[in-house]
N, C-alpha and C. Protein backbone atom coordinates (compact mmCIF):
# COMPACT_ATOMS: atom_id res chain seq x y z
N MET A 1 7.67 -49.63 13.46
CA MET A 1 8.65 -50.37 13.10
C MET A 1 7.65 -52.07 13.24
N PRO A 2 8.07 -52.99 12.46
CA PRO A 2 7.24 -53.99 12.82
C PRO A 2 8.39 -54.76 13.99
N ARG A 3 7.74 -55.37 14.47
CA ARG A 3 8.85 -56.43 15.64
C ARG A 3 8.12 -57.88 15.58
N LEU A 4 9.35 -58.84 15.63
CA LEU A 4 9.20 -60.36 15.43
C LEU A 4 9.51 -60.55 16.99
N THR A 5 8.34 -61.22 17.59
CA THR A 5 7.80 -61.83 18.98
C THR A 5 8.31 -63.25 18.74
N GLN A 6 8.08 -63.91 18.07
CA GLN A 6 8.15 -65.10 18.05
C GLN A 6 8.58 -65.74 16.31
N SER A 7 8.62 -67.03 16.54
CA SER A 7 9.14 -67.88 15.57
C SER A 7 9.03 -68.74 15.44
N ASP A 8 8.71 -70.05 14.65
CA ASP A 8 8.87 -71.61 14.57
C ASP A 8 9.34 -71.90 13.19
N ILE A 9 10.25 -73.01 13.61
CA ILE A 9 10.87 -73.75 12.67
C ILE A 9 10.10 -74.78 11.92
N VAL A 10 9.60 -74.51 10.55
CA VAL A 10 8.24 -75.30 10.30
C VAL A 10 9.12 -76.49 9.57
N MET A 11 9.79 -76.46 8.83
CA MET A 11 10.81 -77.01 7.69
C MET A 11 11.95 -76.75 7.95
N PRO A 12 13.00 -77.67 8.57
CA PRO A 12 14.62 -77.49 9.06
C PRO A 12 15.21 -77.47 7.97
N PHE A 13 14.89 -78.68 6.89
CA PHE A 13 16.03 -78.45 6.06
C PHE A 13 17.21 -79.14 5.94
N HIS A 14 17.55 -80.20 7.39
CA HIS A 14 18.76 -80.63 7.78
C HIS A 14 19.31 -81.34 6.76
N SER A 15 19.32 -81.74 6.08
CA SER A 15 20.37 -82.47 4.73
C SER A 15 20.71 -81.37 4.05
N LEU A 16 20.29 -80.22 3.58
CA LEU A 16 20.41 -79.23 2.70
C LEU A 16 21.81 -78.82 3.59
N ARG A 17 21.62 -78.35 5.05
CA ARG A 17 22.85 -77.62 5.47
C ARG A 17 23.86 -78.68 5.88
N GLU A 18 23.84 -80.08 5.55
CA GLU A 18 24.52 -80.95 5.92
C GLU A 18 25.69 -80.94 4.51
N ASP A 19 25.30 -80.80 3.46
CA ASP A 19 25.88 -80.98 2.87
C ASP A 19 26.29 -79.61 2.07
N TYR A 20 27.82 -79.66 2.13
CA TYR A 20 28.86 -78.23 2.05
C TYR A 20 28.47 -77.80 0.59
N GLY A 21 28.81 -78.69 -0.20
CA GLY A 21 28.12 -77.92 -1.23
C GLY A 21 27.37 -77.47 -1.60
N CYS A 22 26.15 -78.30 -1.69
CA CYS A 22 24.55 -77.50 -1.51
C CYS A 22 24.45 -76.34 -0.66
N PHE A 23 25.08 -76.52 0.29
CA PHE A 23 24.80 -75.32 1.00
C PHE A 23 25.35 -73.99 0.23
N ILE A 24 26.87 -73.95 -0.34
CA ILE A 24 27.19 -73.11 -0.61
C ILE A 24 26.63 -72.61 -2.03
N ARG A 25 25.84 -73.53 -2.72
CA ARG A 25 25.29 -73.00 -4.24
C ARG A 25 23.89 -72.46 -3.42
N LEU A 26 23.21 -73.14 -2.47
CA LEU A 26 22.07 -72.16 -1.70
C LEU A 26 22.24 -70.79 -1.18
N ALA A 27 23.34 -70.44 -1.06
CA ALA A 27 24.39 -69.31 -0.60
C ALA A 27 23.79 -68.31 -1.50
N GLU A 28 24.03 -68.70 -2.88
CA GLU A 28 24.26 -68.15 -4.35
C GLU A 28 22.68 -67.76 -4.21
N VAL A 29 21.85 -68.80 -4.13
CA VAL A 29 20.53 -68.45 -4.53
C VAL A 29 19.88 -67.26 -3.49
N LEU A 30 20.53 -67.38 -2.29
CA LEU A 30 19.55 -66.35 -1.08
C LEU A 30 20.39 -64.59 -1.73
N GLU A 31 21.80 -64.92 -2.03
CA GLU A 31 22.55 -63.69 -2.29
C GLU A 31 21.65 -63.04 -3.77
N LEU A 32 21.25 -64.05 -4.71
CA LEU A 32 20.33 -63.42 -5.99
C LEU A 32 18.88 -62.81 -4.82
N MET A 33 18.45 -63.16 -3.88
CA MET A 33 17.35 -62.53 -3.42
C MET A 33 17.85 -61.58 -2.64
N ILE A 34 18.74 -61.59 -2.09
CA ILE A 34 18.58 -59.93 -1.59
C ILE A 34 19.54 -58.91 -2.28
N HIS A 35 19.60 -59.32 -3.31
CA HIS A 35 20.34 -58.53 -4.44
C HIS A 35 19.24 -57.63 -5.34
N PHE A 36 18.54 -58.61 -5.49
CA PHE A 36 17.66 -58.49 -6.83
C PHE A 36 15.92 -57.96 -6.48
N LEU A 37 15.57 -58.19 -4.53
CA LEU A 37 14.34 -57.59 -4.17
C LEU A 37 14.34 -56.75 -3.05
N PRO A 38 13.78 -55.68 -3.40
CA PRO A 38 13.73 -54.79 -2.40
C PRO A 38 13.51 -54.92 -0.77
N GLU A 39 14.08 -54.24 0.19
CA GLU A 39 13.49 -54.83 1.33
C GLU A 39 12.34 -54.51 2.19
N ARG A 40 12.05 -55.19 3.03
CA ARG A 40 10.74 -55.04 3.56
C ARG A 40 9.30 -55.08 2.44
N GLU A 41 9.92 -55.58 1.16
CA GLU A 41 8.36 -55.91 0.43
C GLU A 41 8.07 -57.24 0.22
N PRO A 42 7.27 -57.92 0.79
CA PRO A 42 7.07 -59.07 0.39
C PRO A 42 6.63 -59.18 -0.92
N ASN A 43 7.29 -60.60 -1.22
CA ASN A 43 7.06 -61.18 -2.64
C ASN A 43 6.93 -62.37 -2.29
N GLY A 44 5.63 -62.87 -2.34
CA GLY A 44 5.10 -64.21 -2.38
C GLY A 44 5.43 -65.09 -3.37
N ASN A 45 5.60 -64.73 -4.68
CA ASN A 45 6.03 -65.52 -5.78
C ASN A 45 7.39 -65.65 -5.80
N MET A 46 8.22 -65.27 -5.20
CA MET A 46 9.64 -65.25 -5.10
C MET A 46 9.86 -66.32 -4.05
N PHE A 47 9.31 -66.29 -2.64
CA PHE A 47 9.33 -67.10 -1.92
C PHE A 47 8.64 -68.42 -1.73
N ALA A 48 7.53 -68.27 -2.87
CA ALA A 48 7.14 -69.83 -2.85
C ALA A 48 7.98 -70.72 -4.02
N LEU A 49 8.43 -69.92 -4.60
CA LEU A 49 9.89 -70.47 -5.73
C LEU A 49 10.90 -71.40 -4.74
N LEU A 50 11.27 -70.12 -3.93
CA LEU A 50 12.46 -70.81 -2.98
C LEU A 50 11.88 -71.90 -2.17
N LEU A 51 10.83 -71.89 -1.70
CA LEU A 51 10.13 -72.92 -0.90
C LEU A 51 10.18 -74.29 -1.79
N ARG A 52 9.76 -74.00 -2.97
CA ARG A 52 9.66 -75.24 -3.95
C ARG A 52 10.78 -75.75 -4.31
N MET A 53 11.74 -74.77 -4.19
CA MET A 53 13.24 -75.40 -4.88
C MET A 53 13.98 -76.11 -3.55
N LEU A 54 13.73 -75.67 -2.00
CA LEU A 54 14.25 -75.99 -1.43
C LEU A 54 13.61 -77.79 -0.65
N SER A 55 12.17 -77.54 -0.90
CA SER A 55 11.65 -78.73 -0.82
C SER A 55 11.89 -79.79 -1.87
N LYS A 56 12.25 -79.60 -2.85
CA LYS A 56 12.74 -80.66 -4.08
C LYS A 56 14.24 -80.92 -4.17
N LEU A 57 14.88 -80.08 -2.99
CA LEU A 57 16.42 -80.12 -3.04
C LEU A 57 16.57 -81.31 -1.85
N GLU A 58 15.74 -81.05 -1.10
CA GLU A 58 15.60 -81.78 0.64
C GLU A 58 15.61 -83.42 0.27
N PRO A 59 15.14 -84.22 -0.38
CA PRO A 59 15.37 -85.72 -0.64
C PRO A 59 16.81 -86.22 -1.39
N GLY A 60 17.14 -85.17 -2.11
CA GLY A 60 18.33 -85.67 -2.04
C GLY A 60 18.79 -85.51 -3.62
N SER A 61 17.88 -84.74 -4.45
CA SER A 61 17.86 -84.92 -6.32
C SER A 61 18.46 -83.23 -6.07
N ARG A 62 19.87 -83.23 -5.98
CA ARG A 62 20.58 -82.29 -6.11
C ARG A 62 21.68 -82.16 -7.10
N ASN A 63 21.02 -81.44 -8.55
CA ASN A 63 22.08 -81.42 -9.88
C ASN A 63 22.06 -80.34 -10.10
N ASP A 64 22.81 -79.80 -11.22
CA ASP A 64 23.08 -78.65 -11.52
C ASP A 64 22.19 -78.29 -12.63
N LEU A 65 20.85 -78.51 -12.73
CA LEU A 65 19.87 -78.62 -13.83
C LEU A 65 19.05 -78.06 -12.91
N SER A 66 18.91 -78.62 -11.24
CA SER A 66 17.88 -77.68 -10.46
C SER A 66 18.29 -76.33 -10.18
N PHE A 67 19.58 -76.15 -10.10
CA PHE A 67 19.72 -74.73 -9.46
C PHE A 67 19.64 -73.54 -10.89
N LEU A 68 20.00 -74.41 -12.10
CA LEU A 68 19.87 -73.53 -13.38
C LEU A 68 18.34 -73.02 -13.50
N PHE A 69 17.24 -74.24 -13.34
CA PHE A 69 15.99 -74.01 -13.42
C PHE A 69 15.59 -72.73 -12.42
N TYR A 70 16.07 -73.16 -11.28
CA TYR A 70 15.67 -71.98 -10.34
C TYR A 70 15.95 -70.54 -10.72
N LYS A 71 17.38 -70.29 -10.92
CA LYS A 71 17.74 -69.54 -11.58
C LYS A 71 17.17 -68.46 -12.70
N ILE A 72 16.50 -69.29 -13.68
CA ILE A 72 15.62 -69.25 -15.07
C ILE A 72 14.32 -68.57 -14.44
N ARG A 73 13.70 -69.17 -13.60
CA ARG A 73 12.70 -69.08 -12.98
C ARG A 73 12.55 -67.82 -12.28
N PHE A 74 13.73 -67.43 -11.25
CA PHE A 74 13.88 -66.32 -10.88
C PHE A 74 14.04 -65.16 -11.28
N LEU A 75 14.91 -65.13 -12.57
CA LEU A 75 14.98 -64.13 -13.53
C LEU A 75 13.67 -63.50 -14.27
N GLY A 76 12.65 -64.62 -14.56
CA GLY A 76 11.60 -64.42 -15.22
C GLY A 76 10.45 -63.82 -13.95
N LEU A 77 10.64 -64.02 -12.76
CA LEU A 77 9.83 -63.31 -12.12
C LEU A 77 10.42 -62.07 -11.54
N ALA A 78 11.58 -61.97 -11.56
CA ALA A 78 12.13 -60.49 -10.74
C ALA A 78 12.08 -59.25 -12.74
N GLY A 79 11.61 -60.06 -13.81
CA GLY A 79 11.46 -59.33 -15.08
C GLY A 79 13.04 -59.28 -15.62
N TYR A 80 14.24 -60.45 -15.40
CA TYR A 80 15.34 -59.92 -16.30
C TYR A 80 15.60 -61.16 -16.92
N LEU A 81 14.37 -61.96 -17.23
CA LEU A 81 15.00 -62.76 -17.99
C LEU A 81 15.40 -62.87 -19.52
N PRO A 82 16.67 -63.34 -19.67
CA PRO A 82 17.40 -63.04 -21.46
C PRO A 82 16.12 -63.61 -22.33
N LYS A 83 16.17 -62.70 -23.15
CA LYS A 83 15.45 -63.10 -24.73
C LYS A 83 16.32 -64.04 -24.97
N LEU A 84 15.89 -65.23 -25.41
CA LEU A 84 16.76 -66.23 -26.48
C LEU A 84 15.85 -66.77 -27.42
N ASP A 85 14.79 -66.20 -27.76
CA ASP A 85 13.97 -66.73 -28.76
C ASP A 85 13.68 -66.10 -30.14
N SER A 86 14.67 -65.03 -30.15
CA SER A 86 14.41 -63.86 -31.41
C SER A 86 15.91 -63.02 -31.32
N CYS A 87 15.80 -62.40 -32.32
CA CYS A 87 16.86 -61.28 -32.08
C CYS A 87 16.31 -59.83 -31.53
N GLY A 88 16.82 -59.72 -30.28
CA GLY A 88 16.14 -58.12 -29.65
C GLY A 88 16.30 -56.97 -30.16
N ARG A 89 16.31 -56.80 -31.22
CA ARG A 89 15.96 -55.53 -32.28
C ARG A 89 15.08 -55.70 -33.12
N CYS A 90 15.56 -56.86 -34.22
CA CYS A 90 14.33 -56.63 -35.62
C CYS A 90 13.33 -57.93 -35.37
N GLY A 91 13.52 -58.87 -33.94
CA GLY A 91 12.91 -59.85 -34.02
C GLY A 91 12.95 -60.97 -34.60
N SER A 92 13.81 -61.20 -35.70
CA SER A 92 14.27 -62.13 -36.64
C SER A 92 14.60 -63.62 -35.74
N LYS A 93 13.79 -64.60 -36.41
CA LYS A 93 14.30 -65.68 -35.60
C LYS A 93 15.16 -66.97 -36.30
N SER A 94 15.90 -66.50 -37.35
CA SER A 94 16.95 -66.82 -38.12
C SER A 94 18.36 -66.44 -37.60
N TYR A 95 19.04 -67.51 -37.25
CA TYR A 95 20.44 -67.37 -36.88
C TYR A 95 21.53 -68.07 -37.43
N GLY A 96 22.70 -68.18 -37.41
CA GLY A 96 24.07 -68.77 -38.04
C GLY A 96 23.98 -70.01 -37.55
N SER A 97 24.75 -70.80 -38.52
CA SER A 97 24.94 -71.97 -38.25
C SER A 97 25.81 -72.63 -36.95
N ALA A 98 26.82 -71.33 -36.74
CA ALA A 98 27.83 -71.26 -36.00
C ALA A 98 27.35 -70.97 -34.57
N GLY A 99 26.08 -70.55 -34.23
CA GLY A 99 25.63 -70.33 -33.14
C GLY A 99 25.29 -68.68 -33.13
N SER A 100 24.71 -68.52 -32.25
CA SER A 100 24.16 -66.65 -31.61
C SER A 100 24.96 -66.12 -31.02
N ARG A 101 24.45 -64.70 -31.24
CA ARG A 101 25.52 -64.37 -30.09
C ARG A 101 24.41 -63.32 -29.11
N PHE A 102 24.41 -63.36 -27.68
CA PHE A 102 23.96 -62.89 -26.58
C PHE A 102 24.54 -61.79 -26.05
N TYR A 103 24.10 -60.52 -25.72
CA TYR A 103 24.65 -59.56 -25.52
C TYR A 103 23.83 -59.05 -24.40
N ASN A 104 24.68 -59.34 -23.21
CA ASN A 104 24.23 -58.68 -21.87
C ASN A 104 23.72 -57.23 -21.57
N ALA A 105 24.42 -56.33 -22.54
CA ALA A 105 23.63 -54.76 -22.56
C ALA A 105 22.51 -54.74 -23.07
N HIS A 106 22.15 -55.96 -23.99
CA HIS A 106 20.65 -55.51 -24.43
C HIS A 106 20.01 -56.80 -23.66
N GLY A 107 20.32 -57.79 -22.99
CA GLY A 107 19.71 -58.93 -22.40
C GLY A 107 19.22 -59.99 -23.47
N ALA A 108 19.56 -59.90 -24.55
CA ALA A 108 18.96 -60.44 -26.03
C ALA A 108 19.99 -60.96 -26.85
N LEU A 109 19.28 -62.09 -27.62
CA LEU A 109 20.23 -62.56 -28.83
C LEU A 109 20.17 -61.02 -29.30
N ILE A 110 21.06 -61.07 -30.68
CA ILE A 110 21.12 -60.13 -31.87
C ILE A 110 21.76 -60.79 -32.86
N CYS A 111 20.64 -60.40 -34.00
CA CYS A 111 21.43 -61.12 -35.08
C CYS A 111 22.62 -60.70 -35.95
N PRO A 112 23.05 -61.11 -36.59
CA PRO A 112 24.38 -60.84 -37.53
C PRO A 112 23.67 -59.39 -38.04
N ALA A 113 22.64 -59.21 -38.98
CA ALA A 113 22.08 -58.67 -39.45
C ALA A 113 22.20 -56.79 -38.80
N CYS A 114 21.67 -57.22 -37.51
CA CYS A 114 21.52 -56.03 -36.44
C CYS A 114 23.03 -55.40 -35.83
N LYS A 115 23.69 -56.51 -35.66
CA LYS A 115 24.96 -56.51 -35.20
C LYS A 115 25.38 -55.28 -34.21
N SER A 116 25.68 -55.51 -32.96
CA SER A 116 25.63 -54.52 -31.78
C SER A 116 27.00 -53.82 -31.66
N ASP A 117 26.78 -52.62 -31.04
CA ASP A 117 27.91 -51.53 -31.04
C ASP A 117 29.37 -52.19 -30.37
N GLY A 118 29.97 -53.45 -30.66
CA GLY A 118 31.06 -53.56 -30.15
C GLY A 118 30.98 -54.24 -28.61
N THR A 119 30.00 -54.13 -28.04
CA THR A 119 30.17 -54.77 -26.48
C THR A 119 30.07 -56.34 -27.03
N GLU A 120 30.87 -56.67 -25.48
CA GLU A 120 30.91 -58.22 -25.53
C GLU A 120 30.06 -59.15 -25.91
N ALA A 121 30.04 -60.30 -26.35
CA ALA A 121 29.03 -61.14 -26.63
C ALA A 121 29.14 -62.54 -26.43
N ILE A 122 28.48 -63.13 -25.95
CA ILE A 122 28.91 -64.63 -25.66
C ILE A 122 28.07 -65.30 -27.16
N THR A 123 28.66 -66.68 -27.28
CA THR A 123 28.37 -67.34 -28.42
C THR A 123 27.86 -68.44 -27.95
N ILE A 124 26.40 -68.71 -28.39
CA ILE A 124 25.72 -69.87 -27.62
C ILE A 124 24.87 -70.98 -28.52
N SER A 125 25.36 -72.11 -28.63
CA SER A 125 24.94 -72.99 -29.67
C SER A 125 23.28 -73.04 -29.83
N ASN A 126 23.18 -73.34 -31.20
CA ASN A 126 21.55 -73.58 -31.42
C ASN A 126 20.92 -74.79 -30.90
N SER A 127 21.75 -75.84 -30.21
CA SER A 127 21.30 -76.58 -29.34
C SER A 127 21.13 -76.18 -27.85
N ALA A 128 21.68 -75.35 -27.34
CA ALA A 128 21.68 -74.68 -26.34
C ALA A 128 20.31 -73.87 -26.48
N LEU A 129 20.04 -73.24 -27.17
CA LEU A 129 19.02 -72.30 -27.22
C LEU A 129 17.88 -72.99 -27.32
N LYS A 130 18.00 -74.09 -27.85
CA LYS A 130 16.70 -74.95 -27.84
C LYS A 130 16.37 -75.79 -26.74
N PHE A 131 17.37 -76.04 -25.85
CA PHE A 131 17.23 -76.66 -24.58
C PHE A 131 16.50 -75.57 -23.81
N TYR A 132 17.17 -74.34 -23.91
CA TYR A 132 16.84 -72.80 -23.13
C TYR A 132 15.17 -72.90 -23.26
N GLY A 133 14.77 -72.88 -24.18
CA GLY A 133 13.57 -72.94 -24.79
C GLY A 133 12.62 -73.87 -24.21
N SER A 134 12.99 -75.11 -24.20
CA SER A 134 12.37 -75.88 -23.37
C SER A 134 12.36 -76.04 -21.64
N ILE A 135 13.41 -75.39 -21.29
CA ILE A 135 13.58 -75.35 -19.90
C ILE A 135 12.34 -74.21 -19.43
N VAL A 136 12.55 -73.12 -20.02
CA VAL A 136 11.32 -71.84 -19.72
C VAL A 136 9.93 -72.53 -19.38
N GLN A 137 9.80 -73.63 -20.25
CA GLN A 137 8.31 -74.36 -20.28
C GLN A 137 7.79 -75.29 -18.97
N TRP A 138 9.12 -75.70 -18.30
CA TRP A 138 9.05 -76.62 -17.32
C TRP A 138 8.51 -76.55 -16.39
N HIS A 139 8.30 -77.36 -15.60
CA HIS A 139 7.61 -77.05 -13.83
C HIS A 139 8.60 -77.70 -13.08
N PHE A 140 8.52 -77.47 -12.02
CA PHE A 140 9.52 -78.09 -10.95
C PHE A 140 9.22 -79.52 -10.78
N ALA A 141 8.01 -79.85 -10.76
CA ALA A 141 7.90 -81.71 -10.80
C ALA A 141 8.47 -82.35 -11.81
N GLY A 142 8.48 -81.85 -12.80
CA GLY A 142 9.18 -82.99 -13.88
C GLY A 142 10.73 -82.27 -14.43
N ILE A 143 11.58 -81.44 -13.26
CA ILE A 143 12.98 -81.64 -13.11
C ILE A 143 13.39 -82.63 -13.13
N ASP A 144 13.44 -83.67 -12.22
CA ASP A 144 13.85 -85.01 -11.76
C ASP A 144 13.98 -85.89 -13.09
N ARG A 145 13.34 -85.58 -13.80
CA ARG A 145 12.79 -86.60 -14.80
C ARG A 145 13.43 -86.73 -16.16
N VAL A 146 14.22 -85.39 -16.04
CA VAL A 146 15.36 -84.77 -17.20
C VAL A 146 16.32 -85.16 -17.05
N LYS A 147 17.11 -85.69 -18.09
CA LYS A 147 18.48 -86.54 -17.69
C LYS A 147 18.92 -85.07 -18.56
N ALA A 148 19.57 -84.34 -18.58
CA ALA A 148 20.18 -83.24 -20.16
C ALA A 148 21.59 -83.62 -19.65
N PRO A 149 22.09 -83.14 -21.31
CA PRO A 149 23.44 -83.23 -21.52
C PRO A 149 24.34 -82.11 -20.66
N GLU A 150 25.66 -82.44 -19.73
CA GLU A 150 26.32 -81.48 -19.09
C GLU A 150 26.60 -80.10 -19.71
N LEU A 151 27.19 -80.68 -21.03
CA LEU A 151 27.47 -79.51 -21.79
C LEU A 151 26.59 -78.55 -21.79
N LEU A 152 25.12 -78.88 -22.34
CA LEU A 152 24.22 -77.89 -22.36
C LEU A 152 23.56 -77.39 -21.12
N VAL A 153 24.11 -78.07 -19.81
CA VAL A 153 23.37 -77.18 -19.11
C VAL A 153 24.46 -76.19 -18.42
N SER A 154 25.72 -76.41 -18.44
CA SER A 154 27.05 -75.92 -18.54
C SER A 154 26.97 -74.48 -19.21
N GLU A 155 26.40 -74.64 -20.67
CA GLU A 155 26.60 -73.56 -21.60
C GLU A 155 25.58 -72.71 -21.04
N ILE A 156 24.32 -73.11 -20.93
CA ILE A 156 23.34 -72.06 -20.49
C ILE A 156 23.61 -71.39 -18.91
N THR A 157 24.08 -71.98 -17.91
CA THR A 157 24.39 -71.55 -16.57
C THR A 157 25.27 -70.88 -17.15
N ASN A 158 26.37 -70.51 -17.75
CA ASN A 158 27.38 -69.80 -17.73
C ASN A 158 26.99 -68.32 -18.63
N LEU A 159 25.56 -68.48 -19.32
CA LEU A 159 25.00 -67.46 -19.98
C LEU A 159 24.17 -66.96 -18.97
N ILE A 160 23.25 -67.67 -18.60
CA ILE A 160 22.95 -66.90 -16.99
C ILE A 160 23.82 -66.46 -15.93
N ASP A 161 24.56 -66.98 -15.78
CA ASP A 161 25.66 -66.08 -14.55
C ASP A 161 26.02 -64.99 -15.03
N SER A 162 26.46 -64.94 -16.41
CA SER A 162 27.02 -63.67 -17.07
C SER A 162 25.95 -62.74 -16.80
N HIS A 163 24.87 -63.00 -17.39
CA HIS A 163 23.63 -61.98 -17.40
C HIS A 163 23.48 -61.38 -15.91
N MET A 164 23.85 -62.23 -14.86
CA MET A 164 22.80 -61.81 -13.64
C MET A 164 24.25 -60.75 -13.46
N ARG A 165 25.53 -61.15 -13.36
CA ARG A 165 26.77 -60.46 -12.92
C ARG A 165 26.75 -59.14 -13.67
N TYR A 166 26.15 -59.20 -14.83
CA TYR A 166 26.14 -57.73 -15.32
C TYR A 166 24.67 -57.00 -15.14
N ILE A 167 23.77 -57.60 -14.64
CA ILE A 167 22.71 -56.86 -13.96
C ILE A 167 22.87 -56.23 -12.73
N LEU A 168 23.53 -57.07 -12.13
CA LEU A 168 24.33 -56.81 -10.49
C LEU A 168 25.46 -55.66 -10.51
N ALA A 169 26.20 -55.31 -11.70
CA ALA A 169 26.99 -54.55 -11.68
C ALA A 169 26.48 -53.28 -11.82
N ARG A 170 25.42 -53.01 -12.62
CA ARG A 170 24.49 -51.66 -12.68
C ARG A 170 23.49 -51.71 -11.45
N PRO A 171 22.51 -50.62 -11.53
CA PRO A 171 21.86 -50.31 -10.68
C PRO A 171 20.53 -50.70 -11.06
N LEU A 172 19.56 -51.38 -10.43
CA LEU A 172 19.09 -52.41 -10.50
C LEU A 172 17.36 -51.37 -10.53
N LYS A 173 16.23 -51.93 -10.98
CA LYS A 173 15.36 -50.95 -11.12
C LYS A 173 14.62 -50.61 -10.09
N SER A 174 14.85 -50.92 -8.77
CA SER A 174 14.42 -51.12 -7.45
C SER A 174 15.31 -50.03 -7.11
N ASP A 175 16.63 -50.04 -7.51
CA ASP A 175 17.49 -48.96 -6.65
C ASP A 175 16.97 -47.89 -7.51
N ILE A 176 16.91 -47.71 -8.91
CA ILE A 176 16.56 -46.41 -9.30
C ILE A 176 15.70 -45.66 -8.75
N PHE A 177 14.13 -46.54 -8.48
CA PHE A 177 13.21 -46.14 -8.09
C PHE A 177 13.15 -45.69 -6.52
N ALA A 178 14.30 -46.27 -6.04
CA ALA A 178 14.47 -45.69 -4.57
C ALA A 178 15.24 -44.42 -4.44
N GLU A 179 16.06 -44.46 -5.53
CA GLU A 179 16.79 -42.88 -5.67
C GLU A 179 15.91 -41.88 -5.96
N LYS A 180 15.35 -42.09 -6.93
CA LYS A 180 14.14 -40.84 -7.22
C LYS A 180 13.08 -40.86 -6.09
N THR A 181 12.95 -41.59 -5.42
CA THR A 181 12.02 -41.34 -4.66
C THR A 181 12.33 -40.40 -3.48
N LYS A 182 13.90 -41.17 -3.10
CA LYS A 182 15.02 -40.03 -2.00
C LYS A 182 14.85 -38.47 -2.32
N LYS A 183 15.27 -38.27 -3.77
CA LYS A 183 15.16 -37.39 -4.38
C LYS A 183 13.79 -36.16 -4.60
N GLY A 184 12.83 -36.93 -4.49
CA GLY A 184 11.81 -36.16 -4.46
C GLY A 184 11.40 -36.14 -6.23
N LEU A 185 11.62 -36.99 -6.89
CA LEU A 185 11.55 -36.89 -8.34
C LEU A 185 9.75 -38.09 -8.63
């Protein structure tokens, strides 16, 4: 059993703890890490992502886009990033002018030709899809320079939050692996 005998606080992030709204949002971020990452398994990429986000938020650039960007990066590292560039079944990139339909059960867009089996869908606008496509390409360094329309940020945030709630409602890959290991499968 590992034993922790000493620790030092290298970066205290005082201003993040003093801002109640930011503190609540960071609690959500930490909940994601608790639910998605297996216990006692170090994950340097996730830790580096969290540290970059905290360092970015410390000077005071706390906007909704920063938290959305973190969630997208986090889901990408965890292997649960939604597929929003083409149909999850046929690969078609043609969508209707009224917007596309995202299905949590598939973790992807499904085109009208492939229509899903009646599960709930989230309609997402074409402009939000283009914006999401660009967010996936960004780096943390440039996030402060982007002035994104609040409507697009809100639309993508709602989709990502819905996707995460769906994932957390069912057993994660690590939970399934742990159960099989216990049973000796």
